[in-house]
Amino acid sequence: MTKDEQLKDFLASINPEIVVADGLSHAFVGLTYSDSEEIAVYSTERIISNLMENDLMSFEDAEEYMHHNILNAYVGKRTPMFIDVIPTEFWTEDTDVI
């Protein structure tokens, strides 16, 4: 059984109506809730890293591909969500970054 199939089975055991982003099990990070509906959440960082590693894309090409072909796909009210994780050093007071 592939990782994608394992993720689909796992999420179906929670709620069979959860929509899974095909081919992105490596980027799955959890669930969120909107209007009392479970929604799958994926990491943009993991998506970009995977495109760079497996498809040999540059960061810029991987980011552009993700925005045009993954993030803009709408498949109904349970469309998966995507998260950009911001490291703490970018928002804590002990840094000059901001």
PDB file of N, CA and C in Angstrom:
ATOM      1  N   MET A   1       0.852  -1.182   0.000  1.00  0.00           N
ATOM      2  CA  MET A   1       0.000   0.000   0.000  1.00  0.00           C
ATOM      3  C   MET A   1       0.897   1.244   0.000  1.00  0.00           C
ATOM      4  N   THR A   2       0.596   2.191  -0.892  1.00  0.00           N
ATOM      5  CA  THR A   2       1.397   3.413  -0.983  1.00  0.00           C
ATOM      6  C   THR A   2       1.077   4.361   0.169  1.00  0.00           C
ATOM      7  N   LYS A   3       1.940   5.360   0.358  1.00  0.00           N
ATOM      8  CA  LYS A   3       1.699   6.372   1.397  1.00  0.00           C
ATOM      9  C   LYS A   3       0.405   7.132   1.116  1.00  0.00           C
ATOM     10  N   ASP A   4       0.131   7.436  -0.159  1.00  0.00           N
ATOM     11  CA  ASP A   4      -1.115   8.122  -0.516  1.00  0.00           C
ATOM     12  C   ASP A   4      -2.330   7.278  -0.129  1.00  0.00           C
ATOM     13  N   GLU A   5      -2.268   5.978  -0.397  1.00  0.00           N
ATOM     14  CA  GLU A   5      -3.367   5.083  -0.036  1.00  0.00           C
ATOM     15  C   GLU A   5      -3.519   4.981   1.476  1.00  0.00           C
ATOM     16  N   GLN A   6      -2.391   4.929   2.187  1.00  0.00           N
ATOM     17  CA  GLN A   6      -2.444   4.879   3.648  1.00  0.00           C
ATOM     18  C   GLN A   6      -3.094   6.138   4.215  1.00  0.00           C
ATOM     19  N   LEU A   7      -2.719   7.308   3.656  1.00  0.00           N
ATOM     20  CA  LEU A   7      -3.300   8.561   4.125  1.00  0.00           C
ATOM     21  C   LEU A   7      -4.800   8.602   3.834  1.00  0.00           C
ATOM     22  N   LYS A   8      -5.197   8.202   2.635  1.00  0.00           N
ATOM     23  CA  LYS A   8      -6.621   8.180   2.280  1.00  0.00           C
ATOM     24  C   LYS A   8      -7.399   7.277   3.231  1.00  0.00           C
ATOM     25  N   ASP A   9      -6.863   6.103   3.528  1.00  0.00           N
ATOM     26  CA  ASP A   9      -7.525   5.175   4.448  1.00  0.00           C
ATOM     27  C   ASP A   9      -7.629   5.768   5.848  1.00  0.00           C
ATOM     28  N   PHE A  10      -6.540   6.368   6.311  1.00  0.00           N
ATOM     29  CA  PHE A  10      -6.533   6.973   7.642  1.00  0.00           C
ATOM     30  C   PHE A  10      -7.582   8.075   7.738  1.00  0.00           C
ATOM     31  N   LEU A  11      -7.592   8.992   6.756  1.00  0.00           N
ATOM     32  CA  LEU A  11      -8.541  10.100   6.796  1.00  0.00           C
ATOM     33  C   LEU A  11      -9.975   9.621   6.613  1.00  0.00           C
ATOM     34  N   ALA A  12     -10.176   8.602   5.795  1.00  0.00           N
ATOM     35  CA  ALA A  12     -11.522   8.039   5.617  1.00  0.00           C
ATOM     36  C   ALA A  12     -12.046   7.441   6.916  1.00  0.00           C
ATOM     37  N   SER A  13     -11.140   6.952   7.758  1.00  0.00           N
ATOM     38  CA  SER A  13     -11.569   6.398   9.042  1.00  0.00           C
ATOM     39  C   SER A  13     -12.050   7.508   9.989  1.00  0.00           C
ATOM     40  N   ILE A  14     -11.572   8.727   9.760  1.00  0.00           N
ATOM     41  CA  ILE A  14     -12.022   9.881  10.544  1.00  0.00           C
ATOM     42  C   ILE A  14     -13.326  10.417   9.964  1.00  0.00           C
ATOM     43  N   ASN A  15     -13.311  10.621   8.642  1.00  0.00           N
ATOM     44  CA  ASN A  15     -14.499  11.095   7.936  1.00  0.00           C
ATOM     45  C   ASN A  15     -14.293  10.814   6.451  1.00  0.00           C
ATOM     46  N   PRO A  16     -15.115   9.978   5.850  1.00  0.00           N
ATOM     47  CA  PRO A  16     -14.921   9.602   4.455  1.00  0.00           C
ATOM     48  C   PRO A  16     -15.076  10.761   3.466  1.00  0.00           C
ATOM     49  N   GLU A  17     -15.564  11.901   3.920  1.00  0.00           N
ATOM     50  CA  GLU A  17     -15.741  13.047   3.025  1.00  0.00           C
ATOM     51  C   GLU A  17     -14.528  13.979   2.978  1.00  0.00           C
ATOM     52  N   ILE A  18     -13.493  13.702   3.767  1.00  0.00           N
ATOM     53  CA  ILE A  18     -12.284  14.520   3.725  1.00  0.00           C
ATOM     54  C   ILE A  18     -11.632  14.355   2.354  1.00  0.00           C
ATOM     55  N   VAL A  19     -11.304  15.486   1.724  1.00  0.00           N
ATOM     56  CA  VAL A  19     -10.675  15.462   0.405  1.00  0.00           C
ATOM     57  C   VAL A  19      -9.163  15.403   0.578  1.00  0.00           C
ATOM     58  N   VAL A  20      -8.535  14.485  -0.134  1.00  0.00           N
ATOM     59  CA  VAL A  20      -7.095  14.293  -0.078  1.00  0.00           C
ATOM     60  C   VAL A  20      -6.471  14.858  -1.354  1.00  0.00           C
ATOM     61  N   ALA A  21      -5.374  15.580  -1.210  1.00  0.00           N
ATOM     62  CA  ALA A  21      -4.638  16.075  -2.374  1.00  0.00           C
ATOM     63  C   ALA A  21      -3.778  14.932  -2.898  1.00  0.00           C
ATOM     64  N   ASP A  22      -4.126  14.424  -4.065  1.00  0.00           N
ATOM     65  CA  ASP A  22      -3.416  13.265  -4.639  1.00  0.00           C
ATOM     66  C   ASP A  22      -1.934  13.545  -4.825  1.00  0.00           C
ATOM     67  N   GLY A  23      -1.121  12.589  -4.422  1.00  0.00           N
ATOM     68  CA  GLY A  23       0.319  12.678  -4.620  1.00  0.00           C
ATOM     69  C   GLY A  23       1.044  13.563  -3.626  1.00  0.00           C
ATOM     70  N   LEU A  24       0.341  14.054  -2.608  1.00  0.00           N
ATOM     71  CA  LEU A  24       0.981  14.968  -1.661  1.00  0.00           C
ATOM     72  C   LEU A  24       1.014  14.422  -0.229  1.00  0.00           C
ATOM     73  N   SER A  25       0.960  13.115  -0.073  1.00  0.00           N
ATOM     74  CA  SER A  25       0.982  12.552   1.277  1.00  0.00           C
ATOM     75  C   SER A  25       2.234  12.969   2.043  1.00  0.00           C
ATOM     76  N   HIS A  26       3.343  13.169   1.324  1.00  0.00           N
ATOM     77  CA  HIS A  26       4.596  13.600   1.965  1.00  0.00           C
ATOM     78  C   HIS A  26       4.469  14.976   2.621  1.00  0.00           C
ATOM     79  N   ALA A  27       3.484  15.766   2.197  1.00  0.00           N
ATOM     80  CA  ALA A  27       3.330  17.130   2.705  1.00  0.00           C
ATOM     81  C   ALA A  27       2.169  17.267   3.692  1.00  0.00           C
ATOM     82  N   PHE A  28       1.460  16.180   3.971  1.00  0.00           N
ATOM     83  CA  PHE A  28       0.328  16.230   4.903  1.00  0.00           C
ATOM     84  C   PHE A  28       0.826  16.537   6.309  1.00  0.00           C
ATOM     85  N   VAL A  29       0.174  17.502   6.978  1.00  0.00           N
ATOM     86  CA  VAL A  29       0.581  17.858   8.345  1.00  0.00           C
ATOM     87  C   VAL A  29      -0.538  17.719   9.365  1.00  0.00           C
ATOM     88  N   GLY A  30      -1.783  17.620   8.915  1.00  0.00           N
ATOM     89  CA  GLY A  30      -2.862  17.461   9.878  1.00  0.00           C
ATOM     90  C   GLY A  30      -4.201  17.899   9.330  1.00  0.00           C
ATOM     91  N   LEU A  31      -5.103  18.175  10.261  1.00  0.00           N
ATOM     92  CA  LEU A  31      -6.458  18.581   9.907  1.00  0.00           C
ATOM     93  C   LEU A  31      -6.784  19.924  10.543  1.00  0.00           C
ATOM     94  N   THR A  32      -7.672  20.646   9.898  1.00  0.00           N
ATOM     95  CA  THR A  32      -8.253  21.842  10.497  1.00  0.00           C
ATOM     96  C   THR A  32      -9.756  21.716  10.334  1.00  0.00           C
ATOM     97  N   TYR A  33     -10.478  22.657  10.905  1.00  0.00           N
ATOM     98  CA  TYR A  33     -11.930  22.573  10.876  1.00  0.00           C
ATOM     99  C   TYR A  33     -12.502  23.897  10.398  1.00  0.00           C
ATOM    100  N   SER A  34     -13.429  23.816   9.451  1.00  0.00           N
ATOM    101  CA  SER A  34     -14.110  24.986   8.931  1.00  0.00           C
ATOM    102  C   SER A  34     -15.585  24.637   8.818  1.00  0.00           C
ATOM    103  N   ASP A  35     -16.418  25.448   9.427  1.00  0.00           N
ATOM    104  CA  ASP A  35     -17.860  25.156   9.430  1.00  0.00           C
ATOM    105  C   ASP A  35     -18.134  23.732   9.894  1.00  0.00           C
ATOM    106  N   SER A  36     -17.413  23.309  10.925  1.00  0.00           N
ATOM    107  CA  SER A  36     -17.551  21.971  11.512  1.00  0.00           C
ATOM    108  C   SER A  36     -17.205  20.844  10.544  1.00  0.00           C
ATOM    109  N   GLU A  37     -16.415  21.135   9.518  1.00  0.00           N
ATOM    110  CA  GLU A  37     -15.982  20.135   8.547  1.00  0.00           C
ATOM    111  C   GLU A  37     -14.475  19.929   8.691  1.00  0.00           C
ATOM    112  N   GLU A  38     -14.035  18.678   8.680  1.00  0.00           N
ATOM    113  CA  GLU A  38     -12.608  18.395   8.712  1.00  0.00           C
ATOM    114  C   GLU A  38     -12.005  18.669   7.341  1.00  0.00           C
ATOM    115  N   ILE A  39     -10.852  19.338   7.330  1.00  0.00           N
ATOM    116  CA  ILE A  39     -10.166  19.676   6.088  1.00  0.00           C
ATOM    117  C   ILE A  39      -8.692  19.298   6.229  1.00  0.00           C
ATOM    118  N   ALA A  40      -8.176  18.604   5.232  1.00  0.00           N
ATOM    119  CA  ALA A  40      -6.769  18.201   5.224  1.00  0.00           C
ATOM    120  C   ALA A  40      -5.876  19.429   5.027  1.00  0.00           C
ATOM    121  N   VAL A  41      -4.741  19.438   5.735  1.00  0.00           N
ATOM    122  CA  VAL A  41      -3.794  20.552   5.657  1.00  0.00           C
ATOM    123  C   VAL A  41      -2.435  20.017   5.209  1.00  0.00           C
ATOM    124  N   TYR A  42      -1.819  20.748   4.284  1.00  0.00           N
ATOM    125  CA  TYR A  42      -0.537  20.355   3.714  1.00  0.00           C
ATOM    126  C   TYR A  42       0.478  21.487   3.864  1.00  0.00           C
ATOM    127  N   SER A  43       1.741  21.142   3.960  1.00  0.00           N
ATOM    128  CA  SER A  43       2.842  22.088   4.106  1.00  0.00           C
ATOM    129  C   SER A  43       3.361  22.522   2.735  1.00  0.00           C
ATOM    130  N   THR A  44       3.337  23.832   2.489  1.00  0.00           N
ATOM    131  CA  THR A  44       3.882  24.339   1.228  1.00  0.00           C
ATOM    132  C   THR A  44       5.384  24.096   1.155  1.00  0.00           C
ATOM    133  N   GLU A  45       6.054  24.188   2.297  1.00  0.00           N
ATOM    134  CA  GLU A  45       7.499  23.950   2.321  1.00  0.00           C
ATOM    135  C   GLU A  45       7.829  22.527   1.857  1.00  0.00           C
ATOM    136  N   ARG A  46       7.064  21.565   2.334  1.00  0.00           N
ATOM    137  CA  ARG A  46       7.295  20.173   1.939  1.00  0.00           C
ATOM    138  C   ARG A  46       6.977  19.950   0.464  1.00  0.00           C
ATOM    139  N   ILE A  47       5.955  20.623  -0.032  1.00  0.00           N
ATOM    140  CA  ILE A  47       5.614  20.493  -1.452  1.00  0.00           C
ATOM    141  C   ILE A  47       6.758  21.028  -2.307  1.00  0.00           C
ATOM    142  N   ILE A  48       7.222  22.219  -1.985  1.00  0.00           N
ATOM    143  CA  ILE A  48       8.312  22.833  -2.749  1.00  0.00           C
ATOM    144  C   ILE A  48       9.574  21.978  -2.674  1.00  0.00           C
ATOM    145  N   SER A  49       9.924  21.520  -1.485  1.00  0.00           N
ATOM    146  CA  SER A  49      11.122  20.675  -1.329  1.00  0.00           C
ATOM    147  C   SER A  49      11.027  19.422  -2.174  1.00  0.00           C
ATOM    148  N   ASN A  50       9.850  18.807  -2.189  1.00  0.00           N
ATOM    149  CA  ASN A  50       9.661  17.592  -2.967  1.00  0.00           C
ATOM    150  C   ASN A  50       9.775  17.866  -4.460  1.00  0.00           C
ATOM    151  N   LEU A  51       9.204  18.960  -4.936  1.00  0.00           N
ATOM    152  CA  LEU A  51       9.314  19.308  -6.356  1.00  0.00           C
ATOM    153  C   LEU A  51      10.767  19.575  -6.737  1.00  0.00           C
ATOM    154  N   MET A  52      11.500  20.223  -5.844  1.00  0.00           N
ATOM    155  CA  MET A  52      12.904  20.508  -6.120  1.00  0.00           C
ATOM    156  C   MET A  52      13.719  19.219  -6.173  1.00  0.00           C
ATOM    157  N   GLU A  53      13.453  18.321  -5.234  1.00  0.00           N
ATOM    158  CA  GLU A  53      14.231  17.086  -5.142  1.00  0.00           C
ATOM    159  C   GLU A  53      13.849  16.070  -6.223  1.00  0.00           C
ATOM    160  N   ASN A  54      12.563  15.826  -6.379  1.00  0.00           N
ATOM    161  CA  ASN A  54      12.123  14.764  -7.291  1.00  0.00           C
ATOM    162  C   ASN A  54      12.002  15.207  -8.742  1.00  0.00           C
ATOM    163  N   ASP A  55      11.640  16.461  -8.965  1.00  0.00           N
ATOM    164  CA  ASP A  55      11.462  16.950 -10.334  1.00  0.00           C
ATOM    165  C   ASP A  55      12.592  17.874 -10.771  1.00  0.00           C
ATOM    166  N   LEU A  56      13.590  18.005  -9.880  1.00  0.00           N
ATOM    167  CA  LEU A  56      14.780  18.811 -10.164  1.00  0.00           C
ATOM    168  C   LEU A  56      14.444  20.249 -10.572  1.00  0.00           C
ATOM    169  N   MET A  57      13.439  20.820  -9.921  1.00  0.00           N
ATOM    170  CA  MET A  57      13.051  22.206 -10.188  1.00  0.00           C
ATOM    171  C   MET A  57      13.859  23.147  -9.321  1.00  0.00           C
ATOM    172  N   SER A  58      14.046  24.354  -9.798  1.00  0.00           N
ATOM    173  CA  SER A  58      14.637  25.391  -8.949  1.00  0.00           C
ATOM    174  C   SER A  58      13.580  25.794  -7.923  1.00  0.00           C
ATOM    175  N   PHE A  59      13.992  26.506  -6.883  1.00  0.00           N
ATOM    176  CA  PHE A  59      13.025  26.961  -5.883  1.00  0.00           C
ATOM    177  C   PHE A  59      11.934  27.796  -6.546  1.00  0.00           C
ATOM    178  N   GLU A  60      12.339  28.718  -7.411  1.00  0.00           N
ATOM    179  CA  GLU A  60      11.382  29.609  -8.065  1.00  0.00           C
ATOM    180  C   GLU A  60      10.393  28.831  -8.934  1.00  0.00           C
ATOM    181  N   ASP A  61      10.891  27.860  -9.697  1.00  0.00           N
ATOM    182  CA  ASP A  61      10.005  27.054 -10.547  1.00  0.00           C
ATOM    183  C   ASP A  61       9.058  26.199  -9.710  1.00  0.00           C
ATOM    184  N   ALA A  62       9.572  25.628  -8.633  1.00  0.00           N
ATOM    185  CA  ALA A  62       8.741  24.799  -7.762  1.00  0.00           C
ATOM    186  C   ALA A  62       7.653  25.631  -7.100  1.00  0.00           C
ATOM    187  N   GLU A  63       8.016  26.827  -6.649  1.00  0.00           N
ATOM    188  CA  GLU A  63       7.030  27.708  -6.019  1.00  0.00           C
ATOM    189  C   GLU A  63       5.951  28.122  -7.018  1.00  0.00           C
ATOM    190  N   GLU A  64       6.367  28.477  -8.227  1.00  0.00           N
ATOM    191  CA  GLU A  64       5.418  28.870  -9.262  1.00  0.00           C
ATOM    192  C   GLU A  64       4.501  27.700  -9.635  1.00  0.00           C
ATOM    193  N   TYR A  65       5.083  26.522  -9.804  1.00  0.00           N
ATOM    194  CA  TYR A  65       4.294  25.337 -10.124  1.00  0.00           C
ATOM    195  C   TYR A  65       3.258  25.086  -9.032  1.00  0.00           C
ATOM    196  N   MET A  66       3.694  25.150  -7.782  1.00  0.00           N
ATOM    197  CA  MET A  66       2.790  24.907  -6.660  1.00  0.00           C
ATOM    198  C   MET A  66       1.628  25.896  -6.673  1.00  0.00           C
ATOM    199  N   HIS A  67       1.940  27.182  -6.870  1.00  0.00           N
ATOM    200  CA  HIS A  67       0.884  28.194  -6.863  1.00  0.00           C
ATOM    201  C   HIS A  67      -0.116  27.999  -8.001  1.00  0.00           C
ATOM    202  N   HIS A  68       0.371  27.679  -9.186  1.00  0.00           N
ATOM    203  CA  HIS A  68      -0.517  27.561 -10.342  1.00  0.00           C
ATOM    204  C   HIS A  68      -1.255  26.232 -10.420  1.00  0.00           C
ATOM    205  N   ASN A  69      -0.615  25.160  -9.986  1.00  0.00           N
ATOM    206  CA  ASN A  69      -1.188  23.831 -10.210  1.00  0.00           C
ATOM    207  C   ASN A  69      -1.726  23.136  -8.968  1.00  0.00           C
ATOM    208  N   ILE A  70      -1.376  23.613  -7.796  1.00  0.00           N
ATOM    209  CA  ILE A  70      -1.806  22.934  -6.579  1.00  0.00           C
ATOM    210  C   ILE A  70      -2.681  23.844  -5.720  1.00  0.00           C
ATOM    211  N   LEU A  71      -2.175  25.010  -5.370  1.00  0.00           N
ATOM    212  CA  LEU A  71      -2.911  25.886  -4.459  1.00  0.00           C
ATOM    213  C   LEU A  71      -4.205  26.424  -5.062  1.00  0.00           C
ATOM    214  N   ASN A  72      -4.249  26.601  -6.351  1.00  0.00           N
ATOM    215  CA  ASN A  72      -5.436  27.170  -6.991  1.00  0.00           C
ATOM    216  C   ASN A  72      -6.494  26.135  -7.363  1.00  0.00           C
ATOM    217  N   ALA A  73      -6.251  24.873  -7.065  1.00  0.00           N
ATOM    218  CA  ALA A  73      -7.224  23.829  -7.387  1.00  0.00           C
ATOM    219  C   ALA A  73      -8.354  23.867  -6.351  1.00  0.00           C
ATOM    220  N   TYR A  74      -9.569  24.027  -6.814  1.00  0.00           N
ATOM    221  CA  TYR A  74     -10.733  24.034  -5.924  1.00  0.00           C
ATOM    222  C   TYR A  74     -11.575  22.802  -6.220  1.00  0.00           C
ATOM    223  N   VAL A  75     -11.835  22.018  -5.186  1.00  0.00           N
ATOM    224  CA  VAL A  75     -12.611  20.794  -5.363  1.00  0.00           C
ATOM    225  C   VAL A  75     -13.815  20.744  -4.413  1.00  0.00           C
ATOM    226  N   GLY A  76     -14.327  21.902  -4.079  1.00  0.00           N
ATOM    227  CA  GLY A  76     -15.496  21.963  -3.213  1.00  0.00           C
ATOM    228  C   GLY A  76     -15.171  22.480  -1.824  1.00  0.00           C
ATOM    229  N   LYS A  77     -16.184  22.442  -0.962  1.00  0.00           N
ATOM    230  CA  LYS A  77     -16.039  23.047   0.365  1.00  0.00           C
ATOM    231  C   LYS A  77     -14.985  22.369   1.234  1.00  0.00           C
ATOM    232  N   ARG A  78     -14.602  21.176   0.892  1.00  0.00           N
ATOM    233  CA  ARG A  78     -13.554  20.473   1.652  1.00  0.00           C
ATOM    234  C   ARG A  78     -12.201  20.502   0.939  1.00  0.00           C
ATOM    235  N   THR A  79     -12.015  21.470   0.050  1.00  0.00           N
ATOM    236  CA  THR A  79     -10.725  21.612  -0.634  1.00  0.00           C
ATOM    237  C   THR A  79      -9.620  21.690   0.414  1.00  0.00           C
ATOM    238  N   PRO A  80      -8.550  20.918   0.245  1.00  0.00           N
ATOM    239  CA  PRO A  80      -7.450  20.977   1.208  1.00  0.00           C
ATOM    240  C   PRO A  80      -6.896  22.397   1.368  1.00  0.00           C
ATOM    241  N   MET A  81      -6.335  22.643   2.543  1.00  0.00           N
ATOM    242  CA  MET A  81      -5.696  23.921   2.838  1.00  0.00           C
ATOM    243  C   MET A  81      -4.189  23.709   2.865  1.00  0.00           C
ATOM    244  N   PHE A  82      -3.478  24.815   2.658  1.00  0.00           N
ATOM    245  CA  PHE A  82      -2.022  24.759   2.617  1.00  0.00           C
ATOM    246  C   PHE A  82      -1.472  25.798   3.572  1.00  0.00           C
ATOM    247  N   ILE A  83      -0.401  25.425   4.271  1.00  0.00           N
ATOM    248  CA  ILE A  83       0.145  26.284   5.311  1.00  0.00           C
ATOM    249  C   ILE A  83       1.619  26.573   5.041  1.00  0.00           C
ATOM    250  N   ASP A  84       1.981  27.848   5.242  1.00  0.00           N
ATOM    251  CA  ASP A  84       3.385  28.259   5.241  1.00  0.00           C
ATOM    252  C   ASP A  84       3.798  28.344   6.703  1.00  0.00           C
ATOM    253  N   VAL A  85       4.728  27.524   7.121  1.00  0.00           N
ATOM    254  CA  VAL A  85       5.210  27.568   8.500  1.00  0.00           C
ATOM    255  C   VAL A  85       6.295  28.627   8.591  1.00  0.00           C
ATOM    256  N   ILE A  86       6.079  29.619   9.459  1.00  0.00           N
ATOM    257  CA  ILE A  86       7.038  30.707   9.640  1.00  0.00           C
ATOM    258  C   ILE A  86       7.898  30.383  10.861  1.00  0.00           C
ATOM    259  N   PRO A  87       9.208  30.202  10.674  1.00  0.00           N
ATOM    260  CA  PRO A  87      10.087  29.901  11.809  1.00  0.00           C
ATOM    261  C   PRO A  87      10.048  31.017  12.855  1.00  0.00           C
ATOM    262  N   THR A  88      10.180  30.646  14.104  1.00  0.00           N
ATOM    263  CA  THR A  88      10.103  31.620  15.192  1.00  0.00           C
ATOM    264  C   THR A  88      11.110  32.747  15.085  1.00  0.00           C
ATOM    265  N   GLU A  89      12.258  32.494  14.500  1.00  0.00           N
ATOM    266  CA  GLU A  89      13.256  33.567  14.409  1.00  0.00           C
ATOM    267  C   GLU A  89      12.769  34.738  13.557  1.00  0.00           C
ATOM    268  N   PHE A  90      11.734  34.550  12.769  1.00  0.00           N
ATOM    269  CA  PHE A  90      11.207  35.627  11.950  1.00  0.00           C
ATOM    270  C   PHE A  90      10.219  36.519  12.690  1.00  0.00           C
ATOM    271  N   TRP A  91       9.704  36.065  13.836  1.00  0.00           N
ATOM    272  CA  TRP A  91       8.712  36.894  14.509  1.00  0.00           C
ATOM    273  C   TRP A  91       8.962  37.122  15.999  1.00  0.00           C
ATOM    274  N   THR A  92      10.022  36.558  16.542  1.00  0.00           N
ATOM    275  CA  THR A  92      10.304  36.789  17.958  1.00  0.00           C
ATOM    276  C   THR A  92      11.070  38.090  18.152  1.00  0.00           C
ATOM    277  N   GLU A  93      10.994  38.622  19.350  1.00  0.00           N
ATOM    278  CA  GLU A  93      11.622  39.913  19.654  1.00  0.00           C
ATOM    279  C   GLU A  93      13.135  39.866  19.687  1.00  0.00           C
ATOM    280  N   ASP A  94      13.726  38.692  19.835  1.00  0.00           N
ATOM    281  CA  ASP A  94      15.171  38.606  19.966  1.00  0.00           C
ATOM    282  C   ASP A  94      15.898  38.552  18.623  1.00  0.00           C
ATOM    283  N   THR A  95      15.291  39.096  17.588  1.00  0.00           N
ATOM    284  CA  THR A  95      15.906  39.079  16.263  1.00  0.00           C
ATOM    285  C   THR A  95      15.729  40.419  15.575  1.00  0.00           C
ATOM    286  N   ASP A  96      16.567  40.699  14.612  1.00  0.00           N
ATOM    287  CA  ASP A  96      16.483  41.930  13.839  1.00  0.00           C
ATOM    288  C   ASP A  96      15.822  41.718  12.482  1.00  0.00           C
ATOM    289  N   VAL A  97      15.287  40.524  12.232  1.00  0.00           N
ATOM    290  CA  VAL A  97      14.773  40.199  10.910  1.00  0.00           C
ATOM    291  C   VAL A  97      13.595  41.095  10.531  1.00  0.00           C
ATOM    292  N   ILE A  98      12.723  41.390  11.465  1.00  0.00           N
ATOM    293  CA  ILE A  98      11.553  42.236  11.153  1.00  0.00           C
ATOM    294  C   ILE A  98      11.779  43.616  11.702  1.00  0.00           C
TER     295      ILE A  98
END
